[in-house]
Amino acid sequence: MNIANPVGSEITSVAFSVYRPDEVRRTSVRRIVNPQLLDNLGHPAKGGLYDPALGPYSKHHLWVLLSGAQFKFLKANAARPF
């Protein structure tokens, strides 16, 4: 961060967009390949039914979305428990 050019403290604009149908299909399908629900530490196992890429399995967990080579973390509150 360059203190000579401070970052603004106000939001000046917000943009929203809608996924195309092919993007929805591509990002909404995950293959379940791991029969274990949790790893040795009690965390959701990748490729299993509790894989974070499938969405949070309770309102207290994070949702991990893989987009290209970037990971996006988003706090999601589910309307009802899964």
PDB file of N, CA and C in Angstrom:
ATOM      1  N   MET A   1       0.843  -1.171   0.000  1.00  0.00           N
ATOM      2  CA  MET A   1       0.000   0.000   0.000  1.00  0.00           C
ATOM      3  C   MET A   1       0.889   1.235   0.000  1.00  0.00           C
ATOM      4  N   ASN A   2       0.580   2.178  -0.836  1.00  0.00           N
ATOM      5  CA  ASN A   2       1.324   3.428  -0.936  1.00  0.00           C
ATOM      6  C   ASN A   2       0.574   4.485  -0.129  1.00  0.00           C
ATOM      7  N   ILE A   3       1.175   4.958   0.978  1.00  0.00           N
ATOM      8  CA  ILE A   3       0.470   5.927   1.822  1.00  0.00           C
ATOM      9  C   ILE A   3       0.345   7.292   1.163  1.00  0.00           C
ATOM     10  N   ALA A   4       1.113   7.526   0.088  1.00  0.00           N
ATOM     11  CA  ALA A   4       0.984   8.785  -0.644  1.00  0.00           C
ATOM     12  C   ALA A   4      -0.328   8.819  -1.425  1.00  0.00           C
ATOM     13  N   ASN A   5      -0.863   7.655  -1.766  1.00  0.00           N
ATOM     14  CA  ASN A   5      -2.144   7.541  -2.473  1.00  0.00           C
ATOM     15  C   ASN A   5      -3.088   6.702  -1.613  1.00  0.00           C
ATOM     16  N   PRO A   6      -3.728   7.310  -0.611  1.00  0.00           N
ATOM     17  CA  PRO A   6      -4.574   6.527   0.294  1.00  0.00           C
ATOM     18  C   PRO A   6      -5.780   5.930  -0.428  1.00  0.00           C
ATOM     19  N   VAL A   7      -6.204   4.805   0.073  1.00  0.00           N
ATOM     20  CA  VAL A   7      -7.382   4.134  -0.469  1.00  0.00           C
ATOM     21  C   VAL A   7      -8.614   4.827   0.089  1.00  0.00           C
ATOM     22  N   GLY A   8      -9.601   5.067  -0.763  1.00  0.00           N
ATOM     23  CA  GLY A   8     -10.833   5.715  -0.323  1.00  0.00           C
ATOM     24  C   GLY A   8     -11.572   4.881   0.707  1.00  0.00           C
ATOM     25  N   SER A   9     -12.313   5.531   1.566  1.00  0.00           N
ATOM     26  CA  SER A   9     -13.060   4.822   2.605  1.00  0.00           C
ATOM     27  C   SER A   9     -14.543   4.705   2.270  1.00  0.00           C
ATOM     28  N   GLU A  10     -14.935   5.141   1.085  1.00  0.00           N
ATOM     29  CA  GLU A  10     -16.331   5.049   0.676  1.00  0.00           C
ATOM     30  C   GLU A  10     -16.450   4.171  -0.555  1.00  0.00           C
ATOM     31  N   ILE A  11     -17.544   3.451  -0.628  1.00  0.00           N
ATOM     32  CA  ILE A  11     -17.840   2.671  -1.826  1.00  0.00           C
ATOM     33  C   ILE A  11     -18.428   3.628  -2.845  1.00  0.00           C
ATOM     34  N   THR A  12     -17.824   3.666  -4.016  1.00  0.00           N
ATOM     35  CA  THR A  12     -18.296   4.606  -5.040  1.00  0.00           C
ATOM     36  C   THR A  12     -19.178   3.946  -6.088  1.00  0.00           C
ATOM     37  N   SER A  13     -19.057   2.615  -6.251  1.00  0.00           N
ATOM     38  CA  SER A  13     -19.920   1.938  -7.212  1.00  0.00           C
ATOM     39  C   SER A  13     -19.960   0.447  -6.905  1.00  0.00           C
ATOM     40  N   VAL A  14     -21.035  -0.186  -7.353  1.00  0.00           N
ATOM     41  CA  VAL A  14     -21.220  -1.623  -7.205  1.00  0.00           C
ATOM     42  C   VAL A  14     -21.793  -2.129  -8.512  1.00  0.00           C
ATOM     43  N   ALA A  15     -21.320  -3.287  -8.970  1.00  0.00           N
ATOM     44  CA  ALA A  15     -21.836  -3.877 -10.204  1.00  0.00           C
ATOM     45  C   ALA A  15     -22.282  -5.311  -9.926  1.00  0.00           C
ATOM     46  N   PHE A  16     -23.415  -5.697 -10.473  1.00  0.00           N
ATOM     47  CA  PHE A  16     -23.934  -7.049 -10.352  1.00  0.00           C
ATOM     48  C   PHE A  16     -24.123  -7.605 -11.751  1.00  0.00           C
ATOM     49  N   SER A  17     -24.022  -8.915 -11.868  1.00  0.00           N
ATOM     50  CA  SER A  17     -24.281  -9.547 -13.153  1.00  0.00           C
ATOM     51  C   SER A  17     -24.975 -10.880 -12.903  1.00  0.00           C
ATOM     52  N   VAL A  18     -25.485 -11.461 -13.956  1.00  0.00           N
ATOM     53  CA  VAL A  18     -26.204 -12.725 -13.883  1.00  0.00           C
ATOM     54  C   VAL A  18     -25.403 -13.761 -14.659  1.00  0.00           C
ATOM     55  N   TYR A  19     -25.299 -14.970 -14.104  1.00  0.00           N
ATOM     56  CA  TYR A  19     -24.616 -16.046 -14.813  1.00  0.00           C
ATOM     57  C   TYR A  19     -25.431 -16.487 -16.023  1.00  0.00           C
ATOM     58  N   ARG A  20     -24.739 -16.852 -17.081  1.00  0.00           N
ATOM     59  CA  ARG A  20     -25.390 -17.448 -18.244  1.00  0.00           C
ATOM     60  C   ARG A  20     -25.746 -18.898 -17.897  1.00  0.00           C
ATOM     61  N   PRO A  21     -26.732 -19.497 -18.577  1.00  0.00           N
ATOM     62  CA  PRO A  21     -27.119 -20.884 -18.269  1.00  0.00           C
ATOM     63  C   PRO A  21     -25.950 -21.868 -18.319  1.00  0.00           C
ATOM     64  N   ASP A  22     -25.045 -21.721 -19.277  1.00  0.00           N
ATOM     65  CA  ASP A  22     -23.906 -22.644 -19.359  1.00  0.00           C
ATOM     66  C   ASP A  22     -22.959 -22.466 -18.174  1.00  0.00           C
ATOM     67  N   GLU A  23     -22.825 -21.238 -17.666  1.00  0.00           N
ATOM     68  CA  GLU A  23     -21.984 -20.994 -16.485  1.00  0.00           C
ATOM     69  C   GLU A  23     -22.602 -21.629 -15.242  1.00  0.00           C
ATOM     70  N   VAL A  24     -23.916 -21.544 -15.130  1.00  0.00           N
ATOM     71  CA  VAL A  24     -24.605 -22.157 -13.993  1.00  0.00           C
ATOM     72  C   VAL A  24     -24.389 -23.664 -14.011  1.00  0.00           C
ATOM     73  N   ARG A  25     -24.571 -24.309 -15.162  1.00  0.00           N
ATOM     74  CA  ARG A  25     -24.377 -25.756 -15.264  1.00  0.00           C
ATOM     75  C   ARG A  25     -22.934 -26.142 -14.956  1.00  0.00           C
ATOM     76  N   ARG A  26     -21.985 -25.385 -15.487  1.00  0.00           N
ATOM     77  CA  ARG A  26     -20.568 -25.706 -15.307  1.00  0.00           C
ATOM     78  C   ARG A  26     -20.146 -25.595 -13.840  1.00  0.00           C
ATOM     79  N   THR A  27     -20.652 -24.608 -13.128  1.00  0.00           N
ATOM     80  CA  THR A  27     -20.227 -24.401 -11.744  1.00  0.00           C
ATOM     81  C   THR A  27     -21.095 -25.129 -10.727  1.00  0.00           C
ATOM     82  N   SER A  28     -22.239 -25.667 -11.141  1.00  0.00           N
ATOM     83  CA  SER A  28     -23.142 -26.285 -10.173  1.00  0.00           C
ATOM     84  C   SER A  28     -23.000 -27.799 -10.096  1.00  0.00           C
ATOM     85  N   VAL A  29     -22.188 -28.397 -10.944  1.00  0.00           N
ATOM     86  CA  VAL A  29     -22.043 -29.850 -10.963  1.00  0.00           C
ATOM     87  C   VAL A  29     -20.698 -30.237 -10.361  1.00  0.00           C
ATOM     88  N   ARG A  30     -20.729 -31.096  -9.369  1.00  0.00           N
ATOM     89  CA  ARG A  30     -19.514 -31.617  -8.734  1.00  0.00           C
ATOM     90  C   ARG A  30     -19.624 -33.133  -8.664  1.00  0.00           C
ATOM     91  N   ARG A  31     -18.537 -33.804  -8.940  1.00  0.00           N
ATOM     92  CA  ARG A  31     -18.505 -35.265  -8.870  1.00  0.00           C
ATOM     93  C   ARG A  31     -18.110 -35.686  -7.453  1.00  0.00           C
ATOM     94  N   ILE A  32     -18.874 -36.606  -6.883  1.00  0.00           N
ATOM     95  CA  ILE A  32     -18.561 -37.167  -5.573  1.00  0.00           C
ATOM     96  C   ILE A  32     -17.685 -38.395  -5.811  1.00  0.00           C
ATOM     97  N   VAL A  33     -16.420 -38.311  -5.406  1.00  0.00           N
ATOM     98  CA  VAL A  33     -15.467 -39.395  -5.661  1.00  0.00           C
ATOM     99  C   VAL A  33     -14.849 -39.938  -4.376  1.00  0.00           C
ATOM    100  N   ASN A  34     -15.107 -39.293  -3.260  1.00  0.00           N
ATOM    101  CA  ASN A  34     -14.508 -39.688  -1.992  1.00  0.00           C
ATOM    102  C   ASN A  34     -15.610 -40.208  -1.069  1.00  0.00           C
ATOM    103  N   PRO A  35     -15.519 -41.469  -0.612  1.00  0.00           N
ATOM    104  CA  PRO A  35     -16.568 -42.002   0.259  1.00  0.00           C
ATOM    105  C   PRO A  35     -16.531 -41.448   1.682  1.00  0.00           C
ATOM    106  N   GLN A  36     -15.438 -40.772   2.063  1.00  0.00           N
ATOM    107  CA  GLN A  36     -15.343 -40.219   3.414  1.00  0.00           C
ATOM    108  C   GLN A  36     -16.006 -38.850   3.478  1.00  0.00           C
ATOM    109  N   LEU A  37     -16.756 -38.616   4.554  1.00  0.00           N
ATOM    110  CA  LEU A  37     -17.387 -37.312   4.752  1.00  0.00           C
ATOM    111  C   LEU A  37     -16.392 -36.300   5.299  1.00  0.00           C
ATOM    112  N   LEU A  38     -15.565 -36.736   6.258  1.00  0.00           N
ATOM    113  CA  LEU A  38     -14.629 -35.840   6.932  1.00  0.00           C
ATOM    114  C   LEU A  38     -13.221 -36.420   6.870  1.00  0.00           C
ATOM    115  N   ASP A  39     -12.217 -35.535   6.912  1.00  0.00           N
ATOM    116  CA  ASP A  39     -10.832 -36.003   6.948  1.00  0.00           C
ATOM    117  C   ASP A  39     -10.437 -36.341   8.388  1.00  0.00           C
ATOM    118  N   ASN A  40      -9.156 -36.660   8.611  1.00  0.00           N
ATOM    119  CA  ASN A  40      -8.687 -37.061   9.947  1.00  0.00           C
ATOM    120  C   ASN A  40      -8.818 -35.956  10.984  1.00  0.00           C
ATOM    121  N   LEU A  41      -8.886 -34.706  10.549  1.00  0.00           N
ATOM    122  CA  LEU A  41      -9.013 -33.582  11.474  1.00  0.00           C
ATOM    123  C   LEU A  41     -10.463 -33.160  11.697  1.00  0.00           C
ATOM    124  N   GLY A  42     -11.392 -33.872  11.053  1.00  0.00           N
ATOM    125  CA  GLY A  42     -12.803 -33.533  11.199  1.00  0.00           C
ATOM    126  C   GLY A  42     -13.285 -32.465  10.242  1.00  0.00           C
ATOM    127  N   HIS A  43     -12.468 -32.124   9.242  1.00  0.00           N
ATOM    128  CA  HIS A  43     -12.861 -31.138   8.231  1.00  0.00           C
ATOM    129  C   HIS A  43     -13.531 -31.850   7.059  1.00  0.00           C
ATOM    130  N   PRO A  44     -14.404 -31.172   6.338  1.00  0.00           N
ATOM    131  CA  PRO A  44     -15.039 -31.788   5.175  1.00  0.00           C
ATOM    132  C   PRO A  44     -13.997 -32.294   4.178  1.00  0.00           C
ATOM    133  N   ALA A  45     -14.171 -33.531   3.722  1.00  0.00           N
ATOM    134  CA  ALA A  45     -13.236 -34.142   2.784  1.00  0.00           C
ATOM    135  C   ALA A  45     -13.515 -33.649   1.369  1.00  0.00           C
ATOM    136  N   LYS A  46     -12.467 -33.256   0.656  1.00  0.00           N
ATOM    137  CA  LYS A  46     -12.633 -32.838  -0.737  1.00  0.00           C
ATOM    138  C   LYS A  46     -13.090 -34.031  -1.560  1.00  0.00           C
ATOM    139  N   GLY A  47     -14.060 -33.790  -2.425  1.00  0.00           N
ATOM    140  CA  GLY A  47     -14.605 -34.849  -3.256  1.00  0.00           C
ATOM    141  C   GLY A  47     -15.670 -35.678  -2.560  1.00  0.00           C
ATOM    142  N   GLY A  48     -15.962 -35.364  -1.289  1.00  0.00           N
ATOM    143  CA  GLY A  48     -16.980 -36.086  -0.536  1.00  0.00           C
ATOM    144  C   GLY A  48     -18.288 -35.307  -0.484  1.00  0.00           C
ATOM    145  N   LEU A  49     -19.260 -35.851   0.234  1.00  0.00           N
ATOM    146  CA  LEU A  49     -20.570 -35.199   0.311  1.00  0.00           C
ATOM    147  C   LEU A  49     -20.534 -33.851   1.014  1.00  0.00           C
ATOM    148  N   TYR A  50     -19.552 -33.642   1.901  1.00  0.00           N
ATOM    149  CA  TYR A  50     -19.433 -32.365   2.601  1.00  0.00           C
ATOM    150  C   TYR A  50     -18.364 -31.470   1.986  1.00  0.00           C
ATOM    151  N   ASP A  51     -17.949 -31.761   0.764  1.00  0.00           N
ATOM    152  CA  ASP A  51     -16.940 -30.937   0.083  1.00  0.00           C
ATOM    153  C   ASP A  51     -17.399 -29.478   0.107  1.00  0.00           C
ATOM    154  N   PRO A  52     -16.550 -28.552   0.580  1.00  0.00           N
ATOM    155  CA  PRO A  52     -16.941 -27.142   0.645  1.00  0.00           C
ATOM    156  C   PRO A  52     -17.364 -26.554  -0.702  1.00  0.00           C
ATOM    157  N   ALA A  53     -16.911 -27.139  -1.805  1.00  0.00           N
ATOM    158  CA  ALA A  53     -17.299 -26.637  -3.126  1.00  0.00           C
ATOM    159  C   ALA A  53     -18.781 -26.861  -3.413  1.00  0.00           C
ATOM    160  N   LEU A  54     -19.426 -27.743  -2.657  1.00  0.00           N
ATOM    161  CA  LEU A  54     -20.857 -27.996  -2.845  1.00  0.00           C
ATOM    162  C   LEU A  54     -21.724 -26.987  -2.109  1.00  0.00           C
ATOM    163  N   GLY A  55     -21.103 -26.180  -1.290  1.00  0.00           N
ATOM    164  CA  GLY A  55     -21.844 -25.201  -0.507  1.00  0.00           C
ATOM    165  C   GLY A  55     -21.746 -25.542   0.963  1.00  0.00           C
ATOM    166  N   PRO A  56     -22.132 -24.614   1.817  1.00  0.00           N
ATOM    167  CA  PRO A  56     -22.026 -24.861   3.254  1.00  0.00           C
ATOM    168  C   PRO A  56     -23.032 -25.917   3.696  1.00  0.00           C
ATOM    169  N   TYR A  57     -22.624 -26.779   4.617  1.00  0.00           N
ATOM    170  CA  TYR A  57     -23.561 -27.780   5.120  1.00  0.00           C
ATOM    171  C   TYR A  57     -24.205 -27.348   6.430  1.00  0.00           C
ATOM    172  N   SER A  58     -23.841 -26.175   6.919  1.00  0.00           N
ATOM    173  CA  SER A  58     -24.566 -25.552   8.025  1.00  0.00           C
ATOM    174  C   SER A  58     -24.358 -24.047   7.917  1.00  0.00           C
ATOM    175  N   LYS A  59     -25.126 -23.283   8.660  1.00  0.00           N
ATOM    176  CA  LYS A  59     -25.024 -21.828   8.549  1.00  0.00           C
ATOM    177  C   LYS A  59     -23.735 -21.281   9.140  1.00  0.00           C
ATOM    178  N   HIS A  60     -22.945 -22.124   9.787  1.00  0.00           N
ATOM    179  CA  HIS A  60     -21.702 -21.679  10.414  1.00  0.00           C
ATOM    180  C   HIS A  60     -20.468 -21.962   9.562  1.00  0.00           C
ATOM    181  N   HIS A  61     -20.631 -22.500   8.372  1.00  0.00           N
ATOM    182  CA  HIS A  61     -19.493 -22.874   7.546  1.00  0.00           C
ATOM    183  C   HIS A  61     -19.366 -21.968   6.328  1.00  0.00           C
ATOM    184  N   LEU A  62     -18.156 -21.920   5.798  1.00  0.00           N
ATOM    185  CA  LEU A  62     -17.876 -21.106   4.621  1.00  0.00           C
ATOM    186  C   LEU A  62     -18.148 -21.887   3.351  1.00  0.00           C
ATOM    187  N   TRP A  63     -18.490 -21.165   2.319  1.00  0.00           N
ATOM    188  CA  TRP A  63     -18.687 -21.739   1.002  1.00  0.00           C
ATOM    189  C   TRP A  63     -17.473 -21.382   0.174  1.00  0.00           C
ATOM    190  N   VAL A  64     -16.860 -22.378  -0.446  1.00  0.00           N
ATOM    191  CA  VAL A  64     -15.674 -22.158  -1.271  1.00  0.00           C
ATOM    192  C   VAL A  64     -16.092 -22.349  -2.719  1.00  0.00           C
ATOM    193  N   LEU A  65     -15.860 -21.345  -3.532  1.00  0.00           N
ATOM    194  CA  LEU A  65     -16.207 -21.399  -4.944  1.00  0.00           C
ATOM    195  C   LEU A  65     -14.934 -21.302  -5.754  1.00  0.00           C
ATOM    196  N   LEU A  66     -14.689 -22.277  -6.591  1.00  0.00           N
ATOM    197  CA  LEU A  66     -13.508 -22.259  -7.444  1.00  0.00           C
ATOM    198  C   LEU A  66     -13.877 -21.585  -8.753  1.00  0.00           C
ATOM    199  N   SER A  67     -13.187 -20.520  -9.076  1.00  0.00           N
ATOM    200  CA  SER A  67     -13.459 -19.770 -10.299  1.00  0.00           C
ATOM    201  C   SER A  67     -12.143 -19.606 -11.038  1.00  0.00           C
ATOM    202  N   GLY A  68     -11.945 -20.400 -12.080  1.00  0.00           N
ATOM    203  CA  GLY A  68     -10.669 -20.356 -12.781  1.00  0.00           C
ATOM    204  C   GLY A  68      -9.579 -20.818 -11.842  1.00  0.00           C
ATOM    205  N   ALA A  69      -8.557 -20.010 -11.667  1.00  0.00           N
ATOM    206  CA  ALA A  69      -7.451 -20.364 -10.774  1.00  0.00           C
ATOM    207  C   ALA A  69      -7.576 -19.651  -9.436  1.00  0.00           C
ATOM    208  N   GLN A  70      -8.680 -18.969  -9.204  1.00  0.00           N
ATOM    209  CA  GLN A  70      -8.837 -18.202  -7.974  1.00  0.00           C
ATOM    210  C   GLN A  70      -9.847 -18.885  -7.060  1.00  0.00           C
ATOM    211  N   PHE A  71      -9.572 -18.826  -5.768  1.00  0.00           N
ATOM    212  CA  PHE A  71     -10.544 -19.289  -4.784  1.00  0.00           C
ATOM    213  C   PHE A  71     -11.253 -18.079  -4.216  1.00  0.00           C
ATOM    214  N   LYS A  72     -12.556 -18.136  -4.165  1.00  0.00           N
ATOM    215  CA  LYS A  72     -13.343 -17.063  -3.575  1.00  0.00           C
ATOM    216  C   LYS A  72     -14.017 -17.619  -2.335  1.00  0.00           C
ATOM    217  N   PHE A  73     -13.898 -16.924  -1.223  1.00  0.00           N
ATOM    218  CA  PHE A  73     -14.511 -17.352   0.018  1.00  0.00           C
ATOM    219  C   PHE A  73     -15.675 -16.428   0.322  1.00  0.00           C
ATOM    220  N   LEU A  74     -16.773 -17.010   0.674  1.00  0.00           N
ATOM    221  CA  LEU A  74     -17.990 -16.238   0.869  1.00  0.00           C
ATOM    222  C   LEU A  74     -18.728 -16.802   2.066  1.00  0.00           C
ATOM    223  N   LYS A  75     -19.124 -15.944   2.966  1.00  0.00           N
ATOM    224  CA  LYS A  75     -19.916 -16.370   4.119  1.00  0.00           C
ATOM    225  C   LYS A  75     -21.346 -16.505   3.659  1.00  0.00           C
ATOM    226  N   ALA A  76     -21.900 -17.678   3.794  1.00  0.00           N
ATOM    227  CA  ALA A  76     -23.257 -17.918   3.330  1.00  0.00           C
ATOM    228  C   ALA A  76     -24.114 -18.418   4.481  1.00  0.00           C
ATOM    229  N   ASN A  77     -25.267 -17.845   4.637  1.00  0.00           N
ATOM    230  CA  ASN A  77     -26.239 -18.324   5.610  1.00  0.00           C
ATOM    231  C   ASN A  77     -27.341 -19.041   4.852  1.00  0.00           C
ATOM    232  N   ALA A  78     -27.426 -20.338   5.048  1.00  0.00           N
ATOM    233  CA  ALA A  78     -28.439 -21.120   4.360  1.00  0.00           C
ATOM    234  C   ALA A  78     -29.810 -20.811   4.951  1.00  0.00           C
ATOM    235  N   ALA A  79     -30.833 -20.867   4.112  1.00  0.00           N
ATOM    236  CA  ALA A  79     -32.196 -20.614   4.564  1.00  0.00           C
ATOM    237  C   ALA A  79     -32.661 -21.702   5.527  1.00  0.00           C
ATOM    238  N   ARG A  80     -32.173 -22.918   5.315  1.00  0.00           N
ATOM    239  CA  ARG A  80     -32.507 -24.029   6.205  1.00  0.00           C
ATOM    240  C   ARG A  80     -31.343 -25.007   6.192  1.00  0.00           C
ATOM    241  N   PRO A  81     -31.184 -25.810   7.230  1.00  0.00           N
ATOM    242  CA  PRO A  81     -30.079 -26.768   7.269  1.00  0.00           C
ATOM    243  C   PRO A  81     -30.231 -27.826   6.192  1.00  0.00           C
ATOM    244  N   PHE A  82     -29.126 -28.339   5.730  1.00  0.00           N
ATOM    245  CA  PHE A  82     -29.145 -29.387   4.706  1.00  0.00           C
ATOM    246  C   PHE A  82     -29.283 -30.737   5.346  1.00  0.00           C
TER     247      PHE A  82
END
